[in-house]
PDB file of N, CA and C in Angstrom:
ATOM      1  N   MET A   1     117.965  21.564 131.114  1.00  0.00           N
ATOM      2  CA  MET A   1     117.331  22.060 129.935  1.00  0.00           C
ATOM      3  C   MET A   1     118.407  22.538 128.979  1.00  0.00           C
ATOM      4  N   SER A   2     118.092  22.336 127.742  1.00  0.00           N
ATOM      5  CA  SER A   2     119.060  22.754 126.738  1.00  0.00           C
ATOM      6  C   SER A   2     118.945  24.256 126.506  1.00  0.00           C
ATOM      7  N   PRO A   3     119.968  24.879 126.007  1.00  0.00           N
ATOM      8  CA  PRO A   3     119.918  26.313 125.755  1.00  0.00           C
ATOM      9  C   PRO A   3     118.810  26.688 124.763  1.00  0.00           C
ATOM     10  N   GLU A   4     118.504  25.854 123.796  1.00  0.00           N
ATOM     11  CA  GLU A   4     117.441  26.158 122.830  1.00  0.00           C
ATOM     12  C   GLU A   4     116.074  26.159 123.517  1.00  0.00           C
ATOM     13  N   THR A   5     115.871  25.206 124.402  1.00  0.00           N
ATOM     14  CA  THR A   5     114.600  25.127 125.133  1.00  0.00           C
ATOM     15  C   THR A   5     114.446  26.338 126.042  1.00  0.00           C
ATOM     16  N   MET A   6     115.570  26.676 126.716  1.00  0.00           N
ATOM     17  CA  MET A   6     115.537  27.826 127.617  1.00  0.00           C
ATOM     18  C   MET A   6     115.248  29.102 126.826  1.00  0.00           C
ATOM     19  N   THR A   7     115.823  29.254 125.658  1.00  0.00           N
ATOM     20  CA  THR A   7     115.599  30.426 124.821  1.00  0.00           C
ATOM     21  C   THR A   7     114.147  30.457 124.342  1.00  0.00           C
ATOM     22  N   ALA A   8     113.631  29.317 123.942  1.00  0.00           N
ATOM     23  CA  ALA A   8     112.238  29.238 123.492  1.00  0.00           C
ATOM     24  C   ALA A   8     111.292  29.564 124.641  1.00  0.00           C
ATOM     25  N   LEU A   9     111.599  29.054 125.822  1.00  0.00           N
ATOM     26  CA  LEU A   9     110.759  29.307 126.993  1.00  0.00           C
ATOM     27  C   LEU A   9     110.776  30.795 127.354  1.00  0.00           C
ATOM     28  N   MET A  10     111.965  31.404 127.319  1.00  0.00           N
ATOM     29  CA  MET A  10     112.082  32.819 127.629  1.00  0.00           C
ATOM     30  C   MET A  10     111.359  33.668 126.564  1.00  0.00           C
ATOM     31  N   GLY A  11     111.451  33.244 125.341  1.00  0.00           N
ATOM     32  CA  GLY A  11     110.747  33.945 124.261  1.00  0.00           C
ATOM     33  C   GLY A  11     109.239  33.862 124.453  1.00  0.00           C
ATOM     34  N   ALA A  12     108.777  32.674 124.834  1.00  0.00           N
ATOM     35  CA  ALA A  12     107.340  32.489 125.053  1.00  0.00           C
ATOM     36  C   ALA A  12     106.859  33.344 126.211  1.00  0.00           C
ATOM     37  N   VAL A  13     107.636  33.386 127.297  1.00  0.00           N
ATOM     38  CA  VAL A  13     107.273  34.212 128.446  1.00  0.00           C
ATOM     39  C   VAL A  13     107.255  35.684 128.044  1.00  0.00           C
ATOM     40  N   GLY A  14     108.214  36.075 127.227  1.00  0.00           N
ATOM     41  CA  GLY A  14     108.255  37.460 126.755  1.00  0.00           C
ATOM     42  C   GLY A  14     107.052  37.823 125.901  1.00  0.00           C
ATOM     43  N   VAL A  15     106.696  36.904 125.009  1.00  0.00           N
ATOM     44  CA  VAL A  15     105.536  37.157 124.147  1.00  0.00           C
ATOM     45  C   VAL A  15     104.260  37.237 124.979  1.00  0.00           C
ATOM     46  N   ILE A  16     104.102  36.315 125.918  1.00  0.00           N
ATOM     47  CA  ILE A  16     102.905  36.318 126.768  1.00  0.00           C
ATOM     48  C   ILE A  16     102.879  37.576 127.639  1.00  0.00           C
ATOM     49  N   GLY A  17     104.035  37.914 128.217  1.00  0.00           N
ATOM     50  CA  GLY A  17     104.112  39.130 129.044  1.00  0.00           C
ATOM     51  C   GLY A  17     103.822  40.380 128.231  1.00  0.00           C
ATOM     52  N   GLY A  18     104.389  40.450 127.031  1.00  0.00           N
ATOM     53  CA  GLY A  18     104.124  41.603 126.155  1.00  0.00           C
ATOM     54  C   GLY A  18     102.659  41.699 125.786  1.00  0.00           C
ATOM     55  N   ALA A  19     102.050  40.571 125.498  1.00  0.00           N
ATOM     56  CA  ALA A  19     100.629  40.556 125.141  1.00  0.00           C
ATOM     57  C   ALA A  19      99.786  41.021 126.324  1.00  0.00           C
ATOM     58  N   ALA A  20     100.158  40.564 127.515  1.00  0.00           N
ATOM     59  CA  ALA A  20      99.408  40.970 128.704  1.00  0.00           C
ATOM     60  C   ALA A  20      99.553  42.469 128.953  1.00  0.00           C
ATOM     61  N   ILE A  21     100.759  42.965 128.774  1.00  0.00           N
ATOM     62  CA  ILE A  21     100.998  44.396 129.029  1.00  0.00           C
ATOM     63  C   ILE A  21     100.275  45.258 127.995  1.00  0.00           C
ATOM     64  N   THR A  22     100.311  44.849 126.741  1.00  0.00           N
ATOM     65  CA  THR A  22      99.671  45.665 125.705  1.00  0.00           C
ATOM     66  C   THR A  22      98.152  45.505 125.685  1.00  0.00           C
ATOM     67  N   SER A  23      97.640  44.335 126.052  1.00  0.00           N
ATOM     68  CA  SER A  23      96.188  44.136 126.007  1.00  0.00           C
ATOM     69  C   SER A  23      95.523  44.506 127.332  1.00  0.00           C
ATOM     70  N   GLY A  24      96.288  44.652 128.384  1.00  0.00           N
ATOM     71  CA  GLY A  24      95.713  44.984 129.697  1.00  0.00           C
ATOM     72  C   GLY A  24      94.878  46.256 129.680  1.00  0.00           C
ATOM     73  N   PRO A  25      95.420  47.381 129.212  1.00  0.00           N
ATOM     74  CA  PRO A  25      94.613  48.612 129.178  1.00  0.00           C
ATOM     75  C   PRO A  25      93.356  48.482 128.306  1.00  0.00           C
ATOM     76  N   SER A  26      93.473  47.767 127.191  1.00  0.00           N
ATOM     77  CA  SER A  26      92.305  47.561 126.328  1.00  0.00           C
ATOM     78  C   SER A  26      91.232  46.768 127.064  1.00  0.00           C
ATOM     79  N   TYR A  27      91.683  45.739 127.776  1.00  0.00           N
ATOM     80  CA  TYR A  27      90.749  44.911 128.529  1.00  0.00           C
ATOM     81  C   TYR A  27      90.037  45.742 129.598  1.00  0.00           C
ATOM     82  N   LEU A  28      90.783  46.534 130.335  1.00  0.00           N
ATOM     83  CA  LEU A  28      90.188  47.372 131.377  1.00  0.00           C
ATOM     84  C   LEU A  28      89.231  48.403 130.764  1.00  0.00           C
ATOM     85  N   ALA A  29      89.610  48.966 129.634  1.00  0.00           N
ATOM     86  CA  ALA A  29      88.737  49.931 128.958  1.00  0.00           C
ATOM     87  C   ALA A  29      87.446  49.262 128.493  1.00  0.00           C
ATOM     88  N   SER A  30      87.557  48.043 127.993  1.00  0.00           N
ATOM     89  CA  SER A  30      86.357  47.348 127.529  1.00  0.00           C
ATOM     90  C   SER A  30      85.431  47.017 128.698  1.00  0.00           C
ATOM     91  N   ARG A  31      85.995  46.672 129.837  1.00  0.00           N
ATOM     92  CA  ARG A  31      85.170  46.404 131.030  1.00  0.00           C
ATOM     93  C   ARG A  31      84.445  47.666 131.464  1.00  0.00           C
ATOM     94  N   LYS A  32      85.170  48.808 131.430  1.00  0.00           N
ATOM     95  CA  LYS A  32      84.553  50.081 131.801  1.00  0.00           C
ATOM     96  C   LYS A  32      83.443  50.429 130.813  1.00  0.00           C
ATOM     97  N   ALA A  33      83.703  50.224 129.526  1.00  0.00           N
ATOM     98  CA  ALA A  33      82.698  50.507 128.507  1.00  0.00           C
ATOM     99  C   ALA A  33      81.481  49.610 128.692  1.00  0.00           C
ATOM    100  N   ARG A  34      81.715  48.346 129.012  1.00  0.00           N
ATOM    101  CA  ARG A  34      80.617  47.412 129.248  1.00  0.00           C
ATOM    102  C   ARG A  34      79.767  47.862 130.437  1.00  0.00           C
ATOM    103  N   ARG A  35      80.441  48.272 131.504  1.00  0.00           N
ATOM    104  CA  ARG A  35      79.746  48.737 132.704  1.00  0.00           C
ATOM    105  C   ARG A  35      78.930  49.992 132.390  1.00  0.00           C
ATOM    106  N   THR A  36      79.539  50.923 131.644  1.00  0.00           N
ATOM    107  CA  THR A  36      78.842  52.151 131.268  1.00  0.00           C
ATOM    108  C   THR A  36      77.637  51.830 130.393  1.00  0.00           C
ATOM    109  N   ALA A  37      77.820  50.945 129.444  1.00  0.00           N
ATOM    110  CA  ALA A  37      76.709  50.558 128.563  1.00  0.00           C
ATOM    111  C   ALA A  37      75.589  49.907 129.363  1.00  0.00           C
ATOM    112  N   ARG A  38      75.924  49.074 130.325  1.00  0.00           N
ATOM    113  CA  ARG A  38      74.920  48.416 131.163  1.00  0.00           C
ATOM    114  C   ARG A  38      74.136  49.466 131.959  1.00  0.00           C
ATOM    115  N   GLU A  39      74.860  50.445 132.546  1.00  0.00           N
ATOM    116  CA  GLU A  39      74.194  51.487 133.322  1.00  0.00           C
ATOM    117  C   GLU A  39      73.298  52.345 132.441  1.00  0.00           C
ATOM    118  N   GLU A  40      73.796  52.689 131.243  1.00  0.00           N
ATOM    119  CA  GLU A  40      72.979  53.479 130.321  1.00  0.00           C
ATOM    120  C   GLU A  40      71.770  52.679 129.842  1.00  0.00           C
ATOM    121  N   GLY A  41      71.964  51.384 129.643  1.00  0.00           N
ATOM    122  CA  GLY A  41      70.842  50.527 129.242  1.00  0.00           C
ATOM    123  C   GLY A  41      69.767  50.477 130.314  1.00  0.00           C
ATOM    124  N   GLU A  42      70.189  50.383 131.571  1.00  0.00           N
ATOM    125  CA  GLU A  42      69.225  50.367 132.667  1.00  0.00           C
ATOM    126  C   GLU A  42      68.482  51.694 132.753  1.00  0.00           C
ATOM    127  N   ALA A  43      69.211  52.795 132.582  1.00  0.00           N
ATOM    128  CA  ALA A  43      68.576  54.114 132.612  1.00  0.00           C
ATOM    129  C   ALA A  43      67.578  54.256 131.464  1.00  0.00           C
ATOM    130  N   THR A  44      67.953  53.749 130.293  1.00  0.00           N
ATOM    131  CA  THR A  44      67.055  53.813 129.138  1.00  0.00           C
ATOM    132  C   THR A  44      65.808  52.983 129.377  1.00  0.00           C
ATOM    133  N   ARG A  45      65.991  51.766 129.907  1.00  0.00           N
ATOM    134  CA  ARG A  45      64.830  50.918 130.202  1.00  0.00           C
ATOM    135  C   ARG A  45      63.904  51.594 131.199  1.00  0.00           C
ATOM    136  N   ASP A  46      64.475  52.216 132.228  1.00  0.00           N
ATOM    137  CA  ASP A  46      63.643  52.903 133.223  1.00  0.00           C
ATOM    138  C   ASP A  46      62.874  54.061 132.579  1.00  0.00           C
ATOM    139  N   ALA A  47      63.560  54.832 131.738  1.00  0.00           N
ATOM    140  CA  ALA A  47      62.905  55.970 131.083  1.00  0.00           C
ATOM    141  C   ALA A  47      61.808  55.505 130.136  1.00  0.00           C
ATOM    142  N   VAL A  48      62.072  54.465 129.370  1.00  0.00           N
ATOM    143  CA  VAL A  48      61.071  53.940 128.447  1.00  0.00           C
ATOM    144  C   VAL A  48      59.889  53.377 129.223  1.00  0.00           C
ATOM    145  N   GLY A  49      60.167  52.681 130.315  1.00  0.00           N
ATOM    146  CA  GLY A  49      59.085  52.140 131.148  1.00  0.00           C
ATOM    147  C   GLY A  49      58.205  53.243 131.703  1.00  0.00           C
ATOM    148  N   SER A  50      58.819  54.320 132.176  1.00  0.00           N
ATOM    149  CA  SER A  50      58.043  55.448 132.705  1.00  0.00           C
ATOM    150  C   SER A  50      57.219  56.101 131.607  1.00  0.00           C
ATOM    151  N   ALA A  51      57.820  56.278 130.440  1.00  0.00           N
ATOM    152  CA  ALA A  51      57.095  56.890 129.324  1.00  0.00           C
ATOM    153  C   ALA A  51      55.918  56.012 128.899  1.00  0.00           C
ATOM    154  N   LEU A  52      56.118  54.709 128.891  1.00  0.00           N
ATOM    155  CA  LEU A  52      55.018  53.803 128.534  1.00  0.00           C
ATOM    156  C   LEU A  52      53.902  53.858 129.569  1.00  0.00           C
ATOM    157  N   ASP A  53      54.264  53.941 130.843  1.00  0.00           N
ATOM    158  CA  ASP A  53      53.241  54.051 131.887  1.00  0.00           C
ATOM    159  C   ASP A  53      52.396  55.300 131.694  1.00  0.00           C
ATOM    160  N   VAL A  54      53.052  56.416 131.369  1.00  0.00           N
ATOM    161  CA  VAL A  54      52.324  57.668 131.138  1.00  0.00           C
ATOM    162  C   VAL A  54      51.426  57.531 129.909  1.00  0.00           C
ATOM    163  N   ALA A  55      51.957  56.946 128.843  1.00  0.00           N
ATOM    164  CA  ALA A  55      51.172  56.786 127.613  1.00  0.00           C
ATOM    165  C   ALA A  55      49.961  55.887 127.847  1.00  0.00           C
ATOM    166  N   VAL A  56      50.159  54.799 128.569  1.00  0.00           N
ATOM    167  CA  VAL A  56      49.050  53.880 128.860  1.00  0.00           C
ATOM    168  C   VAL A  56      47.992  54.584 129.701  1.00  0.00           C
ATOM    169  N   ALA A  57      48.424  55.367 130.689  1.00  0.00           N
ATOM    170  CA  ALA A  57      47.468  56.099 131.528  1.00  0.00           C
ATOM    171  C   ALA A  57      46.655  57.085 130.686  1.00  0.00           C
ATOM    172  N   ARG A  58      47.316  57.766 129.740  1.00  0.00           N
ATOM    173  CA  ARG A  58      46.595  58.703 128.867  1.00  0.00           C
ATOM    174  C   ARG A  58      45.586  57.974 127.991  1.00  0.00           C
ATOM    175  N   ILE A  59      46.013  56.851 127.439  1.00  0.00           N
ATOM    176  CA  ILE A  59      45.114  56.079 126.572  1.00  0.00           C
ATOM    177  C   ILE A  59      43.923  55.565 127.369  1.00  0.00           C
ATOM    178  N   GLU A  60      44.181  55.066 128.577  1.00  0.00           N
ATOM    179  CA  GLU A  60      43.078  54.580 129.414  1.00  0.00           C
ATOM    180  C   GLU A  60      42.102  55.708 129.723  1.00  0.00           C
ATOM    181  N   GLY A  61      42.636  56.912 129.994  1.00  0.00           N
ATOM    182  CA  GLY A  61      41.768  58.054 130.258  1.00  0.00           C
ATOM    183  C   GLY A  61      40.904  58.408 129.055  1.00  0.00           C
ATOM    184  N   ARG A  62      41.510  58.357 127.873  1.00  0.00           N
ATOM    185  CA  ARG A  62      40.743  58.663 126.661  1.00  0.00           C
ATOM    186  C   ARG A  62      39.667  57.610 126.419  1.00  0.00           C
ATOM    187  N   ILE A  63      40.010  56.358 126.669  1.00  0.00           N
ATOM    188  CA  ILE A  63      39.030  55.281 126.480  1.00  0.00           C
ATOM    189  C   ILE A  63      37.880  55.441 127.465  1.00  0.00           C
ATOM    190  N   GLU A  64      38.209  55.737 128.727  1.00  0.00           N
ATOM    191  CA  GLU A  64      37.161  55.924 129.723  1.00  0.00           C
ATOM    192  C   GLU A  64      36.262  57.101 129.354  1.00  0.00           C
ATOM    193  N   GLY A  65      36.858  58.184 128.841  1.00  0.00           N
ATOM    194  CA  GLY A  65      36.063  59.327 128.405  1.00  0.00           C
ATOM    195  C   GLY A  65      35.138  58.970 127.253  1.00  0.00           C
ATOM    196  N   ALA A  66      35.656  58.194 126.294  1.00  0.00           N
ATOM    197  CA  ALA A  66      34.834  57.781 125.151  1.00  0.00           C
ATOM    198  C   ALA A  66      33.699  56.866 125.609  1.00  0.00           C
ATOM    199  N   VAL A  67      33.983  55.981 126.542  1.00  0.00           N
ATOM    200  CA  VAL A  67      32.946  55.076 127.059  1.00  0.00           C
ATOM    201  C   VAL A  67      31.869  55.883 127.790  1.00  0.00           C
ATOM    202  N   ASP A  68      32.286  56.880 128.575  1.00  0.00           N
ATOM    203  CA  ASP A  68      31.319  57.724 129.269  1.00  0.00           C
ATOM    204  C   ASP A  68      30.426  58.461 128.274  1.00  0.00           C
ATOM    205  N   GLU A  69      31.031  59.003 127.190  1.00  0.00           N
ATOM    206  CA  GLU A  69      30.242  59.685 126.167  1.00  0.00           C
ATOM    207  C   GLU A  69      29.270  58.716 125.487  1.00  0.00           C
ATOM    208  N   LEU A  70      29.730  57.507 125.228  1.00  0.00           N
ATOM    209  CA  LEU A  70      28.869  56.506 124.596  1.00  0.00           C
ATOM    210  C   LEU A  70      27.699  56.153 125.507  1.00  0.00           C
ATOM    211  N   ARG A  71      27.971  55.989 126.785  1.00  0.00           N
ATOM    212  CA  ARG A  71      26.889  55.678 127.736  1.00  0.00           C
ATOM    213  C   ARG A  71      25.871  56.815 127.792  1.00  0.00           C
ATOM    214  N   ALA A  72      26.369  58.057 127.801  1.00  0.00           N
ATOM    215  CA  ALA A  72      25.453  59.202 127.832  1.00  0.00           C
ATOM    216  C   ALA A  72      24.590  59.222 126.570  1.00  0.00           C
ATOM    217  N   GLY A  73      25.208  58.943 125.423  1.00  0.00           N
ATOM    218  CA  GLY A  73      24.451  58.905 124.173  1.00  0.00           C
ATOM    219  C   GLY A  73      23.407  57.802 124.177  1.00  0.00           C
ATOM    220  N   LEU A  74      23.775  56.640 124.687  1.00  0.00           N
ATOM    221  CA  LEU A  74      22.811  55.532 124.760  1.00  0.00           C
ATOM    222  C   LEU A  74      21.665  55.881 125.702  1.00  0.00           C
ATOM    223  N   HIS A  75      21.969  56.563 126.779  1.00  0.00           N
ATOM    224  CA  HIS A  75      20.920  56.970 127.715  1.00  0.00           C
ATOM    225  C   HIS A  75      19.927  57.903 127.026  1.00  0.00           C
ATOM    226  N   GLU A  76      20.447  58.839 126.230  1.00  0.00           N
ATOM    227  CA  GLU A  76      19.566  59.754 125.497  1.00  0.00           C
ATOM    228  C   GLU A  76      18.701  58.998 124.499  1.00  0.00           C
ATOM    229  N   VAL A  77      19.286  58.039 123.798  1.00  0.00           N
ATOM    230  CA  VAL A  77      18.523  57.256 122.822  1.00  0.00           C
ATOM    231  C   VAL A  77      17.433  56.451 123.524  1.00  0.00           C
ATOM    232  N   ARG A  78      17.755  55.856 124.656  1.00  0.00           N
ATOM    233  CA  ARG A  78      16.747  55.079 125.393  1.00  0.00           C
ATOM    234  C   ARG A  78      15.624  55.969 125.906  1.00  0.00           C
ATOM    235  N   ASP A  79      15.978  57.171 126.369  1.00  0.00           N
ATOM    236  CA  ASP A  79      14.935  58.103 126.792  1.00  0.00           C
ATOM    237  C   ASP A  79      14.023  58.444 125.624  1.00  0.00           C
ATOM    238  N   TRP A  80      14.600  58.709 124.458  1.00  0.00           N
ATOM    239  CA  TRP A  80      13.797  59.027 123.293  1.00  0.00           C
ATOM    240  C   TRP A  80      12.917  57.840 122.909  1.00  0.00           C
ATOM    241  N   GLN A  81      13.519  56.625 122.928  1.00  0.00           N
ATOM    242  CA  GLN A  81      12.731  55.439 122.569  1.00  0.00           C
ATOM    243  C   GLN A  81      11.559  55.250 123.520  1.00  0.00           C
ATOM    244  N   THR A  82      11.795  55.502 124.806  1.00  0.00           N
ATOM    245  CA  THR A  82      10.726  55.338 125.789  1.00  0.00           C
ATOM    246  C   THR A  82       9.600  56.333 125.523  1.00  0.00           C
ATOM    247  N   SER A  83       9.962  57.597 125.280  1.00  0.00           N
ATOM    248  CA  SER A  83       8.915  58.595 125.028  1.00  0.00           C
ATOM    249  C   SER A  83       8.203  58.316 123.709  1.00  0.00           C
ATOM    250  N   HIS A  84       8.930  57.847 122.708  1.00  0.00           N
ATOM    251  CA  HIS A  84       8.330  57.539 121.409  1.00  0.00           C
ATOM    252  C   HIS A  84       7.350  56.368 121.549  1.00  0.00           C
ATOM    253  N   THR A  85       7.750  55.365 122.306  1.00  0.00           N
ATOM    254  CA  THR A  85       6.865  54.216 122.535  1.00  0.00           C
ATOM    255  C   THR A  85       5.625  54.655 123.298  1.00  0.00           C
ATOM    256  N   ALA A  86       5.814  55.533 124.273  1.00  0.00           N
ATOM    257  CA  ALA A  86       4.660  56.029 125.031  1.00  0.00           C
ATOM    258  C   ALA A  86       3.698  56.779 124.125  1.00  0.00           C
ATOM    259  N   GLU A  87       4.205  57.555 123.187  1.00  0.00           N
ATOM    260  CA  GLU A  87       3.336  58.258 122.239  1.00  0.00           C
ATOM    261  C   GLU A  87       2.508  57.273 121.428  1.00  0.00           C
ATOM    262  N   HIS A  88       3.174  56.213 120.958  1.00  0.00           N
ATOM    263  CA  HIS A  88       2.444  55.215 120.156  1.00  0.00           C
ATOM    264  C   HIS A  88       1.403  54.481 120.995  1.00  0.00           C
ATOM    265  N   VAL A  89       1.717  54.220 122.249  1.00  0.00           N
ATOM    266  CA  VAL A  89       0.740  53.561 123.130  1.00  0.00           C
ATOM    267  C   VAL A  89      -0.474  54.467 123.306  1.00  0.00           C
ATOM    268  N   LEU A  90      -0.236  55.763 123.510  1.00  0.00           N
ATOM    269  CA  LEU A  90      -1.364  56.694 123.666  1.00  0.00           C
ATOM    270  C   LEU A  90      -2.188  56.805 122.383  1.00  0.00           C
ATOM    271  N   ILE A  91      -1.486  56.851 121.244  1.00  0.00           N
ATOM    272  CA  ILE A  91      -2.211  56.938 119.966  1.00  0.00           C
ATOM    273  C   ILE A  91      -3.081  55.702 119.782  1.00  0.00           C
ATOM    274  N   GLU A  92      -2.534  54.523 120.044  1.00  0.00           N
ATOM    275  CA  GLU A  92      -3.288  53.272 119.892  1.00  0.00           C
ATOM    276  C   GLU A  92      -4.435  53.221 120.887  1.00  0.00           C
ATOM    277  N   HIS A  93      -4.201  53.693 122.094  1.00  0.00           N
ATOM    278  CA  HIS A  93      -5.264  53.711 123.113  1.00  0.00           C
ATOM    279  C   HIS A  93      -6.405  54.613 122.666  1.00  0.00           C
ATOM    280  N   ASN A  94      -6.071  55.778 122.133  1.00  0.00           N
ATOM    281  CA  ASN A  94      -7.108  56.707 121.668  1.00  0.00           C
ATOM    282  C   ASN A  94      -7.865  56.154 120.465  1.00  0.00           C
ATOM    283  N   ARG A  95      -7.205  55.361 119.648  1.00  0.00           N
ATOM    284  CA  ARG A  95      -7.875  54.762 118.496  1.00  0.00           C
ATOM    285  C   ARG A  95      -8.897  53.721 118.951  1.00  0.00           C
ATOM    286  N   ARG A  96      -8.512  52.950 119.962  1.00  0.00           N
ATOM    287  CA  ARG A  96      -9.392  51.886 120.421  1.00  0.00           C
ATOM    288  C   ARG A  96     -10.513  52.410 121.326  1.00  0.00           C
ATOM    289  N   ASN A  97     -10.251  53.491 121.994  1.00  0.00           N
ATOM    290  CA  ASN A  97     -11.246  54.069 122.909  1.00  0.00           C
ATOM    291  C   ASN A  97     -11.514  55.511 122.541  1.00  0.00           C
ATOM    292  N   PRO A  98     -12.209  55.719 121.466  1.00  0.00           N
ATOM    293  CA  PRO A  98     -12.461  57.109 121.065  1.00  0.00           C
ATOM    294  C   PRO A  98     -13.393  57.788 122.067  1.00  0.00           C
ATOM    295  N   THR A  99     -13.155  59.024 122.306  1.00  0.00           N
ATOM    296  CA  THR A  99     -14.027  59.790 123.186  1.00  0.00           C
ATOM    297  C   THR A  99     -14.960  60.636 122.330  1.00  0.00           C
ATOM    298  N   THR A 100     -16.171  60.791 122.803  1.00  0.00           N
ATOM    299  CA  THR A 100     -17.127  61.610 122.066  1.00  0.00           C
ATOM    300  C   THR A 100     -17.325  62.895 122.839  1.00  0.00           C
ATOM    301  N   ASP A 101     -17.002  63.957 122.197  1.00  0.00           N
ATOM    302  CA  ASP A 101     -17.143  65.250 122.829  1.00  0.00           C
ATOM    303  C   ASP A 101     -18.424  65.966 122.359  1.00  0.00           C
ATOM    304  N   GLU A 102     -19.334  65.241 121.755  1.00  0.00           N
ATOM    305  CA  GLU A 102     -20.538  65.837 121.204  1.00  0.00           C
ATOM    306  C   GLU A 102     -21.644  65.886 122.179  1.00  0.00           C
TER     307      GLU A 102
END
């Protein structure tokens, strides 16, 4: 090898070695940051999932309560309708079959 080639090769090795030495800590720090971000992301997802489960359970409870109230109200309306219809049946019956108390 010629001295120029050897000098160029040594320079290239030096540049690559210097780049590795200077970028090594940055690379390791970025890996640590990535790992930390991944762990925090998982913790956040778990917390959000738990909060959503609680919120959904509360909403379902409120819906069930509203449905129960609606059913109770409908039951009252049906009872009233039944008694009202019975009154009309009695009124019509008395009209068709008048009694004489004389």
